[in-house]
N, C-alpha and C. Protein backbone atom coordinates (compact mmCIF):
# COMPACT_ATOMS: atom_id res chain seq x y z
N MET A 1 -19.98 32.96 -0.03
CA MET A 1 -19.80 31.52 -0.02
C MET A 1 -21.18 30.86 0.00
N PHE A 2 -21.34 29.76 -0.70
CA PHE A 2 -22.59 29.03 -0.76
C PHE A 2 -22.73 28.11 0.43
N ASP A 3 -23.99 27.77 0.75
CA ASP A 3 -24.24 26.89 1.90
C ASP A 3 -23.56 25.53 1.74
N ASN A 4 -23.43 25.04 0.51
CA ASN A 4 -22.85 23.71 0.29
C ASN A 4 -21.38 23.76 -0.09
N ASP A 5 -20.71 24.86 0.16
CA ASP A 5 -19.31 25.02 -0.18
C ASP A 5 -18.45 24.72 1.05
N PHE A 6 -17.81 23.57 1.05
CA PHE A 6 -17.02 23.13 2.19
C PHE A 6 -15.58 22.89 1.75
N PRO A 7 -14.76 23.93 1.63
CA PRO A 7 -13.40 23.76 1.12
C PRO A 7 -12.54 22.83 1.96
N LEU A 8 -12.80 22.74 3.25
CA LEU A 8 -12.00 21.84 4.09
C LEU A 8 -12.33 20.38 3.82
N LEU A 9 -13.41 20.13 3.09
CA LEU A 9 -13.81 18.75 2.80
C LEU A 9 -13.50 18.35 1.36
N SER A 10 -12.75 19.16 0.63
CA SER A 10 -12.38 18.76 -0.73
C SER A 10 -11.47 17.54 -0.64
N ALA A 11 -11.43 16.79 -1.72
CA ALA A 11 -10.58 15.59 -1.74
C ALA A 11 -9.14 15.94 -1.42
N ALA A 12 -8.62 16.99 -2.05
CA ALA A 12 -7.22 17.36 -1.82
C ALA A 12 -6.98 17.75 -0.36
N SER A 13 -7.91 18.49 0.24
CA SER A 13 -7.75 18.90 1.64
C SER A 13 -7.76 17.70 2.58
N LEU A 14 -8.68 16.78 2.35
CA LEU A 14 -8.75 15.60 3.22
C LEU A 14 -7.52 14.71 3.05
N VAL A 15 -7.08 14.54 1.81
CA VAL A 15 -5.88 13.72 1.57
C VAL A 15 -4.65 14.40 2.17
N ALA A 16 -4.57 15.72 2.07
CA ALA A 16 -3.45 16.44 2.69
C ALA A 16 -3.45 16.20 4.20
N LEU A 17 -4.61 16.27 4.80
CA LEU A 17 -4.73 16.02 6.24
C LEU A 17 -4.21 14.62 6.58
N ILE A 18 -4.63 13.63 5.81
CA ILE A 18 -4.21 12.24 6.04
C ILE A 18 -2.70 12.10 5.86
N LEU A 19 -2.19 12.64 4.75
CA LEU A 19 -0.76 12.49 4.46
C LEU A 19 0.11 13.18 5.51
N HIS A 20 -0.26 14.38 5.92
CA HIS A 20 0.53 15.08 6.94
C HIS A 20 0.47 14.34 8.27
N LYS A 21 -0.69 13.83 8.60
CA LYS A 21 -0.83 13.06 9.84
C LYS A 21 0.03 11.79 9.76
N ALA A 22 -0.02 11.11 8.61
CA ALA A 22 0.75 9.88 8.42
C ALA A 22 2.24 10.17 8.33
N GLY A 23 2.60 11.40 7.98
CA GLY A 23 4.00 11.77 7.90
C GLY A 23 4.71 11.72 9.24
N SER A 24 3.93 11.77 10.32
CA SER A 24 4.54 11.71 11.65
C SER A 24 4.27 10.39 12.36
N GLY A 25 3.74 9.42 11.64
CA GLY A 25 3.51 8.10 12.24
C GLY A 25 2.23 7.48 11.74
N PRO A 26 1.96 6.25 12.16
CA PRO A 26 0.76 5.54 11.70
C PRO A 26 -0.53 6.32 12.00
N VAL A 27 -1.49 6.19 11.10
CA VAL A 27 -2.79 6.83 11.27
C VAL A 27 -3.87 5.77 11.32
N THR A 28 -4.97 6.12 11.95
CA THR A 28 -6.17 5.30 11.94
C THR A 28 -7.31 6.17 11.45
N LEU A 29 -8.42 5.55 11.15
CA LEU A 29 -9.59 6.32 10.77
C LEU A 29 -9.97 7.26 11.90
N LYS A 30 -9.90 6.76 13.13
CA LYS A 30 -10.25 7.58 14.29
C LYS A 30 -9.29 8.77 14.45
N SER A 31 -7.99 8.55 14.26
CA SER A 31 -7.05 9.67 14.41
C SER A 31 -7.25 10.70 13.32
N CYS A 32 -7.65 10.26 12.13
CA CYS A 32 -7.94 11.21 11.05
C CYS A 32 -9.23 11.98 11.35
N GLU A 33 -10.21 11.31 11.91
CA GLU A 33 -11.45 11.99 12.30
C GLU A 33 -11.15 13.07 13.35
N GLU A 34 -10.32 12.72 14.31
CA GLU A 34 -9.96 13.67 15.36
C GLU A 34 -9.19 14.86 14.79
N ALA A 35 -8.28 14.60 13.86
CA ALA A 35 -7.51 15.69 13.24
C ALA A 35 -8.43 16.60 12.43
N LEU A 36 -9.41 16.01 11.74
CA LEU A 36 -10.36 16.82 10.98
C LEU A 36 -11.23 17.66 11.91
N ALA A 37 -11.70 17.06 12.98
CA ALA A 37 -12.50 17.81 13.95
C ALA A 37 -11.69 18.97 14.54
N ASN A 38 -10.43 18.72 14.82
CA ASN A 38 -9.56 19.76 15.35
C ASN A 38 -9.36 20.88 14.33
N LEU A 39 -9.22 20.51 13.07
CA LEU A 39 -9.07 21.50 12.01
C LEU A 39 -10.30 22.40 11.92
N PHE A 40 -11.49 21.81 12.03
CA PHE A 40 -12.71 22.62 12.00
C PHE A 40 -12.81 23.52 13.23
N ARG A 41 -12.39 23.01 14.38
CA ARG A 41 -12.39 23.85 15.59
C ARG A 41 -11.44 25.04 15.41
N GLN A 42 -10.25 24.79 14.88
CA GLN A 42 -9.28 25.86 14.66
C GLN A 42 -9.81 26.89 13.67
N ALA A 43 -10.53 26.43 12.66
CA ALA A 43 -11.08 27.34 11.65
C ALA A 43 -12.38 27.98 12.12
N ASN A 44 -12.85 27.55 13.29
CA ASN A 44 -14.12 28.05 13.82
C ASN A 44 -15.25 27.86 12.79
N GLU A 45 -15.26 26.66 12.20
CA GLU A 45 -16.23 26.31 11.18
C GLU A 45 -17.01 25.07 11.59
N ASP A 46 -18.21 24.97 11.05
CA ASP A 46 -19.04 23.79 11.21
C ASP A 46 -18.78 22.91 9.99
N PRO A 47 -18.54 21.62 10.16
CA PRO A 47 -18.26 20.78 9.01
C PRO A 47 -19.38 20.77 7.97
N GLY A 48 -20.60 20.94 8.40
CA GLY A 48 -21.71 20.94 7.46
C GLY A 48 -22.19 19.57 7.06
N LEU A 49 -21.55 18.53 7.56
CA LEU A 49 -21.96 17.15 7.29
C LEU A 49 -22.02 16.39 8.61
N PRO A 50 -22.91 15.40 8.68
CA PRO A 50 -22.95 14.58 9.89
C PRO A 50 -21.66 13.75 10.05
N PRO A 51 -21.34 13.39 11.28
CA PRO A 51 -20.10 12.63 11.52
C PRO A 51 -19.99 11.35 10.70
N GLU A 52 -21.11 10.68 10.44
CA GLU A 52 -21.06 9.43 9.66
C GLU A 52 -20.57 9.70 8.24
N GLU A 53 -21.02 10.82 7.65
CA GLU A 53 -20.59 11.14 6.29
C GLU A 53 -19.13 11.57 6.26
N LEU A 54 -18.70 12.29 7.28
CA LEU A 54 -17.28 12.65 7.37
C LEU A 54 -16.43 11.40 7.47
N ARG A 55 -16.89 10.46 8.28
CA ARG A 55 -16.18 9.18 8.45
C ARG A 55 -16.08 8.44 7.12
N GLU A 56 -17.19 8.42 6.36
CA GLU A 56 -17.19 7.75 5.05
C GLU A 56 -16.21 8.41 4.09
N LEU A 57 -16.19 9.75 4.08
CA LEU A 57 -15.25 10.47 3.22
C LEU A 57 -13.80 10.09 3.54
N LEU A 58 -13.47 10.15 4.83
CA LEU A 58 -12.10 9.82 5.24
C LEU A 58 -11.77 8.36 4.92
N ALA A 59 -12.70 7.46 5.21
CA ALA A 59 -12.47 6.04 4.93
C ALA A 59 -12.24 5.81 3.44
N GLY A 60 -13.00 6.50 2.60
CA GLY A 60 -12.82 6.38 1.16
C GLY A 60 -11.45 6.85 0.71
N HIS A 61 -10.99 7.94 1.28
CA HIS A 61 -9.66 8.45 0.91
C HIS A 61 -8.55 7.54 1.44
N LEU A 62 -8.73 6.99 2.61
CA LEU A 62 -7.74 6.03 3.12
C LEU A 62 -7.65 4.82 2.20
N THR A 63 -8.80 4.35 1.75
CA THR A 63 -8.83 3.21 0.81
C THR A 63 -8.14 3.58 -0.50
N ASP A 64 -8.47 4.75 -1.04
CA ASP A 64 -7.84 5.18 -2.29
C ASP A 64 -6.32 5.27 -2.15
N LEU A 65 -5.86 5.80 -1.03
CA LEU A 65 -4.42 5.94 -0.81
C LEU A 65 -3.75 4.57 -0.65
N GLU A 66 -4.48 3.63 -0.07
CA GLU A 66 -3.93 2.27 0.04
C GLU A 66 -3.86 1.62 -1.35
N ILE A 67 -4.90 1.80 -2.15
CA ILE A 67 -4.91 1.23 -3.50
C ILE A 67 -3.76 1.80 -4.32
N ALA A 68 -3.51 3.10 -4.17
CA ALA A 68 -2.42 3.75 -4.91
C ALA A 68 -1.05 3.43 -4.31
N ARG A 69 -1.04 2.67 -3.25
CA ARG A 69 0.19 2.27 -2.54
C ARG A 69 0.94 3.47 -1.98
N ILE A 70 0.17 4.45 -1.56
CA ILE A 70 0.73 5.60 -0.86
C ILE A 70 0.72 5.32 0.64
N LEU A 71 -0.28 4.58 1.06
CA LEU A 71 -0.37 4.08 2.44
C LEU A 71 -0.36 2.56 2.40
N GLU A 72 0.17 1.97 3.44
CA GLU A 72 0.08 0.52 3.56
C GLU A 72 -0.54 0.19 4.89
N PRO A 73 -1.36 -0.87 4.91
CA PRO A 73 -2.02 -1.22 6.17
C PRO A 73 -1.01 -1.71 7.20
N GLY A 74 -1.25 -1.30 8.41
CA GLY A 74 -0.42 -1.74 9.53
C GLY A 74 -1.24 -2.63 10.44
N GLN A 75 -0.92 -2.59 11.69
CA GLN A 75 -1.64 -3.41 12.66
C GLN A 75 -2.86 -2.67 13.20
N THR A 76 -3.85 -3.43 13.56
CA THR A 76 -5.07 -2.93 14.22
C THR A 76 -5.67 -1.71 13.55
N GLY A 77 -5.92 -1.82 12.25
CA GLY A 77 -6.62 -0.75 11.55
C GLY A 77 -5.83 0.52 11.34
N SER A 78 -4.53 0.42 11.26
CA SER A 78 -3.72 1.61 11.04
C SER A 78 -3.08 1.55 9.66
N TRP A 79 -2.59 2.70 9.21
CA TRP A 79 -1.88 2.81 7.95
C TRP A 79 -0.61 3.61 8.17
N THR A 80 0.41 3.29 7.38
CA THR A 80 1.65 4.06 7.42
C THR A 80 2.00 4.49 6.00
N LEU A 81 2.75 5.58 5.91
CA LEU A 81 3.19 6.04 4.60
C LEU A 81 4.22 5.07 4.03
N THR A 82 4.09 4.79 2.76
CA THR A 82 5.09 4.00 2.05
C THR A 82 6.16 4.96 1.53
N ARG A 83 7.15 4.41 0.90
CA ARG A 83 8.17 5.27 0.27
C ARG A 83 7.50 6.17 -0.76
N ARG A 84 6.58 5.59 -1.51
CA ARG A 84 5.81 6.36 -2.49
C ARG A 84 4.99 7.45 -1.78
N GLY A 85 4.48 7.12 -0.61
CA GLY A 85 3.70 8.07 0.17
C GLY A 85 4.53 9.25 0.63
N HIS A 86 5.75 8.98 1.06
CA HIS A 86 6.65 10.07 1.46
C HIS A 86 6.95 10.98 0.27
N GLN A 87 7.14 10.38 -0.91
CA GLN A 87 7.37 11.18 -2.11
C GLN A 87 6.14 12.00 -2.46
N ALA A 88 4.96 11.39 -2.35
CA ALA A 88 3.71 12.10 -2.65
C ALA A 88 3.52 13.28 -1.70
N LEU A 89 3.81 13.08 -0.44
CA LEU A 89 3.69 14.16 0.54
C LEU A 89 4.66 15.29 0.22
N LYS A 90 5.86 14.92 -0.18
CA LYS A 90 6.86 15.94 -0.51
C LYS A 90 6.46 16.72 -1.77
N ARG A 91 5.95 16.01 -2.77
CA ARG A 91 5.59 16.65 -4.03
C ARG A 91 4.25 17.38 -3.97
N HIS A 92 3.35 16.88 -3.13
CA HIS A 92 1.98 17.43 -3.08
C HIS A 92 1.57 17.71 -1.64
N PRO A 93 2.24 18.63 -0.98
CA PRO A 93 1.88 18.89 0.42
C PRO A 93 0.46 19.45 0.58
N GLU A 94 -0.10 19.97 -0.51
CA GLU A 94 -1.46 20.50 -0.47
C GLU A 94 -2.50 19.41 -0.72
N GLY A 95 -2.06 18.17 -0.96
CA GLY A 95 -2.96 17.04 -1.13
C GLY A 95 -3.07 16.57 -2.57
N LEU A 96 -3.77 15.48 -2.71
CA LEU A 96 -3.98 14.85 -4.01
C LEU A 96 -5.47 14.63 -4.21
N ASP A 97 -5.89 14.61 -5.46
CA ASP A 97 -7.25 14.18 -5.76
C ASP A 97 -7.16 13.04 -6.78
N GLN A 98 -8.30 12.61 -7.32
CA GLN A 98 -8.27 11.47 -8.22
C GLN A 98 -7.46 11.74 -9.48
N THR A 99 -7.40 12.99 -9.93
CA THR A 99 -6.60 13.27 -11.12
C THR A 99 -5.12 13.05 -10.86
N ASP A 100 -4.71 13.20 -9.60
CA ASP A 100 -3.32 12.90 -9.23
C ASP A 100 -3.14 11.40 -9.00
N LEU A 101 -4.09 10.79 -8.29
CA LEU A 101 -3.98 9.38 -7.95
C LEU A 101 -4.00 8.48 -9.19
N VAL A 102 -4.70 8.91 -10.24
CA VAL A 102 -4.80 8.08 -11.43
C VAL A 102 -3.45 7.93 -12.13
N LYS A 103 -2.47 8.74 -11.75
CA LYS A 103 -1.13 8.60 -12.32
C LYS A 103 -0.39 7.39 -11.74
N TYR A 104 -0.90 6.85 -10.65
CA TYR A 104 -0.32 5.64 -10.08
C TYR A 104 -1.00 4.43 -10.74
N PRO A 105 -0.22 3.52 -11.33
CA PRO A 105 -0.82 2.44 -12.12
C PRO A 105 -1.83 1.59 -11.36
N GLU A 106 -1.59 1.35 -10.10
CA GLU A 106 -2.51 0.52 -9.32
C GLU A 106 -3.87 1.20 -9.16
N PHE A 107 -3.84 2.51 -8.98
CA PHE A 107 -5.10 3.24 -8.83
C PHE A 107 -5.82 3.34 -10.16
N ALA A 108 -5.08 3.58 -11.23
CA ALA A 108 -5.69 3.64 -12.56
C ALA A 108 -6.34 2.30 -12.91
N ALA A 109 -5.66 1.20 -12.58
CA ALA A 109 -6.24 -0.13 -12.84
C ALA A 109 -7.51 -0.33 -12.01
N HIS A 110 -7.48 0.13 -10.79
CA HIS A 110 -8.66 0.03 -9.92
C HIS A 110 -9.84 0.79 -10.53
N LEU A 111 -9.60 1.98 -11.03
CA LEU A 111 -10.68 2.75 -11.65
C LEU A 111 -11.22 2.04 -12.88
N ARG A 112 -10.34 1.48 -13.68
CA ARG A 112 -10.81 0.73 -14.87
C ARG A 112 -11.64 -0.47 -14.45
N ASP A 113 -11.19 -1.16 -13.41
CA ASP A 113 -11.89 -2.36 -12.96
C ASP A 113 -13.24 -2.06 -12.32
N THR A 114 -13.38 -0.89 -11.73
CA THR A 114 -14.62 -0.57 -11.02
C THR A 114 -15.47 0.46 -11.75
N ALA A 115 -15.07 0.84 -12.95
CA ALA A 115 -15.81 1.85 -13.71
C ALA A 115 -17.20 1.34 -14.04
N HIS A 116 -18.09 2.28 -14.19
CA HIS A 116 -19.46 1.93 -14.58
C HIS A 116 -19.43 1.29 -15.95
N HIS A 117 -20.07 0.16 -16.07
CA HIS A 117 -20.17 -0.52 -17.36
C HIS A 117 -21.61 -0.47 -17.82
N ALA A 118 -21.77 -0.35 -19.11
CA ALA A 118 -23.12 -0.29 -19.66
C ALA A 118 -23.92 -1.51 -19.25
N CYS A 119 -25.18 -1.31 -18.99
CA CYS A 119 -26.03 -2.41 -18.54
C CYS A 119 -26.68 -3.14 -19.70
N GLY A 120 -26.24 -2.86 -20.93
CA GLY A 120 -26.79 -3.57 -22.07
C GLY A 120 -27.94 -2.84 -22.73
N MET A 121 -28.31 -1.68 -22.23
CA MET A 121 -29.44 -0.97 -22.79
C MET A 121 -29.00 0.06 -23.85
N ASP A 122 -27.72 0.28 -24.00
CA ASP A 122 -27.23 1.23 -24.98
C ASP A 122 -27.36 0.61 -26.37
N PRO A 123 -28.15 1.21 -27.25
CA PRO A 123 -28.34 0.62 -28.58
C PRO A 123 -27.09 0.67 -29.43
N ARG A 124 -26.08 1.43 -29.03
CA ARG A 124 -24.86 1.55 -29.82
C ARG A 124 -23.72 0.70 -29.25
N ALA A 125 -24.01 -0.10 -28.27
CA ALA A 125 -22.95 -0.91 -27.64
C ALA A 125 -22.29 -1.84 -28.65
N ASN A 126 -23.04 -2.36 -29.58
CA ASN A 126 -22.46 -3.29 -30.55
C ASN A 126 -21.40 -2.62 -31.42
N SER A 127 -21.70 -1.43 -31.94
CA SER A 127 -20.71 -0.76 -32.79
C SER A 127 -19.49 -0.33 -31.96
N TYR A 128 -19.71 0.07 -30.73
CA TYR A 128 -18.59 0.41 -29.84
C TYR A 128 -17.70 -0.82 -29.64
N ASP A 129 -18.32 -1.94 -29.31
CA ASP A 129 -17.57 -3.18 -29.10
C ASP A 129 -16.83 -3.61 -30.37
N GLU A 130 -17.47 -3.43 -31.53
CA GLU A 130 -16.81 -3.78 -32.79
C GLU A 130 -15.55 -2.94 -32.99
N GLY A 131 -15.64 -1.64 -32.70
CA GLY A 131 -14.48 -0.77 -32.83
C GLY A 131 -13.38 -1.16 -31.85
N TYR A 132 -13.79 -1.46 -30.63
CA TYR A 132 -12.83 -1.87 -29.60
C TYR A 132 -12.09 -3.13 -30.05
N LEU A 133 -12.84 -4.12 -30.49
CA LEU A 133 -12.22 -5.38 -30.93
C LEU A 133 -11.38 -5.18 -32.19
N ALA A 134 -11.81 -4.28 -33.07
CA ALA A 134 -11.03 -4.02 -34.29
C ALA A 134 -9.64 -3.52 -33.92
N ARG A 135 -9.55 -2.58 -32.98
CA ARG A 135 -8.24 -2.06 -32.57
C ARG A 135 -7.42 -3.15 -31.90
N ARG A 136 -8.07 -3.94 -31.07
CA ARG A 136 -7.35 -5.04 -30.40
C ARG A 136 -6.81 -6.05 -31.40
N ARG A 137 -7.50 -6.19 -32.54
CA ARG A 137 -7.06 -7.13 -33.58
C ARG A 137 -6.06 -6.49 -34.55
N GLY A 138 -5.75 -5.22 -34.34
CA GLY A 138 -4.76 -4.56 -35.16
C GLY A 138 -5.29 -3.84 -36.38
N LEU A 139 -6.61 -3.74 -36.52
CA LEU A 139 -7.17 -3.03 -37.66
C LEU A 139 -6.96 -1.53 -37.49
N SER A 140 -6.83 -0.83 -38.61
CA SER A 140 -6.57 0.60 -38.56
C SER A 140 -7.85 1.37 -38.27
N PHE A 141 -7.65 2.63 -37.92
CA PHE A 141 -8.76 3.53 -37.60
C PHE A 141 -9.69 3.71 -38.80
N THR A 142 -9.14 3.58 -40.00
CA THR A 142 -9.94 3.75 -41.22
C THR A 142 -10.74 2.50 -41.58
N ALA A 143 -10.65 1.47 -40.79
CA ALA A 143 -11.40 0.24 -41.07
C ALA A 143 -12.85 0.31 -40.61
N ASN A 144 -13.27 1.45 -40.14
CA ASN A 144 -14.64 1.64 -39.66
C ASN A 144 -15.64 1.31 -40.78
N PRO A 145 -16.53 0.33 -40.56
CA PRO A 145 -17.44 -0.10 -41.62
C PRO A 145 -18.70 0.77 -41.75
N TYR A 146 -18.90 1.71 -40.86
CA TYR A 146 -20.13 2.50 -40.86
C TYR A 146 -19.97 3.79 -41.65
N ALA A 147 -21.06 4.26 -42.22
CA ALA A 147 -21.07 5.51 -42.97
C ALA A 147 -20.68 6.65 -42.05
N PHE A 148 -19.96 7.61 -42.62
CA PHE A 148 -19.42 8.72 -41.84
C PHE A 148 -20.51 9.52 -41.13
N ASP A 149 -21.68 9.62 -41.72
CA ASP A 149 -22.77 10.42 -41.13
C ASP A 149 -23.71 9.58 -40.28
N ASN A 150 -23.22 8.47 -39.77
CA ASN A 150 -24.03 7.56 -38.96
C ASN A 150 -23.49 7.56 -37.53
N VAL A 151 -24.38 7.52 -36.55
CA VAL A 151 -23.95 7.53 -35.15
C VAL A 151 -23.13 6.28 -34.81
N ASP A 152 -23.38 5.19 -35.52
CA ASP A 152 -22.58 3.98 -35.29
C ASP A 152 -21.12 4.21 -35.68
N HIS A 153 -20.88 5.09 -36.63
CA HIS A 153 -19.51 5.43 -37.03
C HIS A 153 -18.76 6.02 -35.84
N GLN A 154 -19.38 6.98 -35.16
CA GLN A 154 -18.76 7.61 -34.00
C GLN A 154 -18.59 6.61 -32.85
N SER A 155 -19.59 5.78 -32.65
CA SER A 155 -19.52 4.78 -31.59
C SER A 155 -18.37 3.80 -31.85
N TRP A 156 -18.21 3.37 -33.10
CA TRP A 156 -17.12 2.47 -33.47
C TRP A 156 -15.78 3.15 -33.19
N GLU A 157 -15.65 4.44 -33.58
CA GLU A 157 -14.41 5.18 -33.33
C GLU A 157 -14.12 5.28 -31.83
N ASN A 158 -15.16 5.51 -31.03
CA ASN A 158 -14.97 5.59 -29.58
C ASN A 158 -14.44 4.28 -29.02
N GLY A 159 -14.98 3.18 -29.49
CA GLY A 159 -14.49 1.87 -29.05
C GLY A 159 -13.04 1.64 -29.47
N TRP A 160 -12.72 2.01 -30.70
CA TRP A 160 -11.37 1.85 -31.21
C TRP A 160 -10.39 2.68 -30.38
N MET A 161 -10.76 3.93 -30.09
CA MET A 161 -9.89 4.81 -29.31
C MET A 161 -9.71 4.30 -27.87
N GLU A 162 -10.76 3.77 -27.28
CA GLU A 162 -10.66 3.22 -25.93
C GLU A 162 -9.62 2.09 -25.89
N ALA A 163 -9.68 1.22 -26.87
CA ALA A 163 -8.71 0.11 -26.93
C ALA A 163 -7.29 0.65 -27.11
N LEU A 164 -7.14 1.69 -27.92
CA LEU A 164 -5.83 2.29 -28.13
C LEU A 164 -5.30 2.89 -26.83
N GLU A 165 -6.14 3.63 -26.12
CA GLU A 165 -5.73 4.25 -24.85
C GLU A 165 -5.35 3.21 -23.82
N GLU A 166 -6.09 2.12 -23.75
CA GLU A 166 -5.75 1.05 -22.80
C GLU A 166 -4.38 0.45 -23.13
N ARG A 167 -4.12 0.28 -24.40
CA ARG A 167 -2.84 -0.32 -24.81
C ARG A 167 -1.67 0.61 -24.50
N GLN A 168 -1.90 1.92 -24.66
CA GLN A 168 -0.84 2.88 -24.39
C GLN A 168 -0.64 3.10 -22.89
N GLY A 169 -1.63 2.66 -22.11
CA GLY A 169 -1.52 2.72 -20.66
C GLY A 169 -1.56 4.06 -20.11
């Protein structure tokens, strides 16, 4: 095993911990931290990360689960499983990661809204945008105005395909 290999800290493991804990009642960030610490004690393992980073990991997963509407906020910083959350726990007792969460429309929309956007320094952004707008306007894939052996051709196609994927949801 490598020094930086922490299987108990994988996204799926942490989400499983949260979901199982929430399956028996409301959870808080503190109760999840305590459950994680207990899990490491039982495994006779050192977490390998400082408590602040563990807290950030858990807080991030709680937020993701709330965005996906698997957890809903309760009173005084607590969360409870939603109906969707109970189904997720039943279907995925080993936990979920982002590839699972992205199947929930609210989480997928969140990722689209918060995705890294080009800062304007990409010299091919114009051809990408042209392709994107072409698809949005109903133009066919063969409407690409760039020569086949030109990088702008590929960039235009990428933009067109992105618009198609967004429309198909």
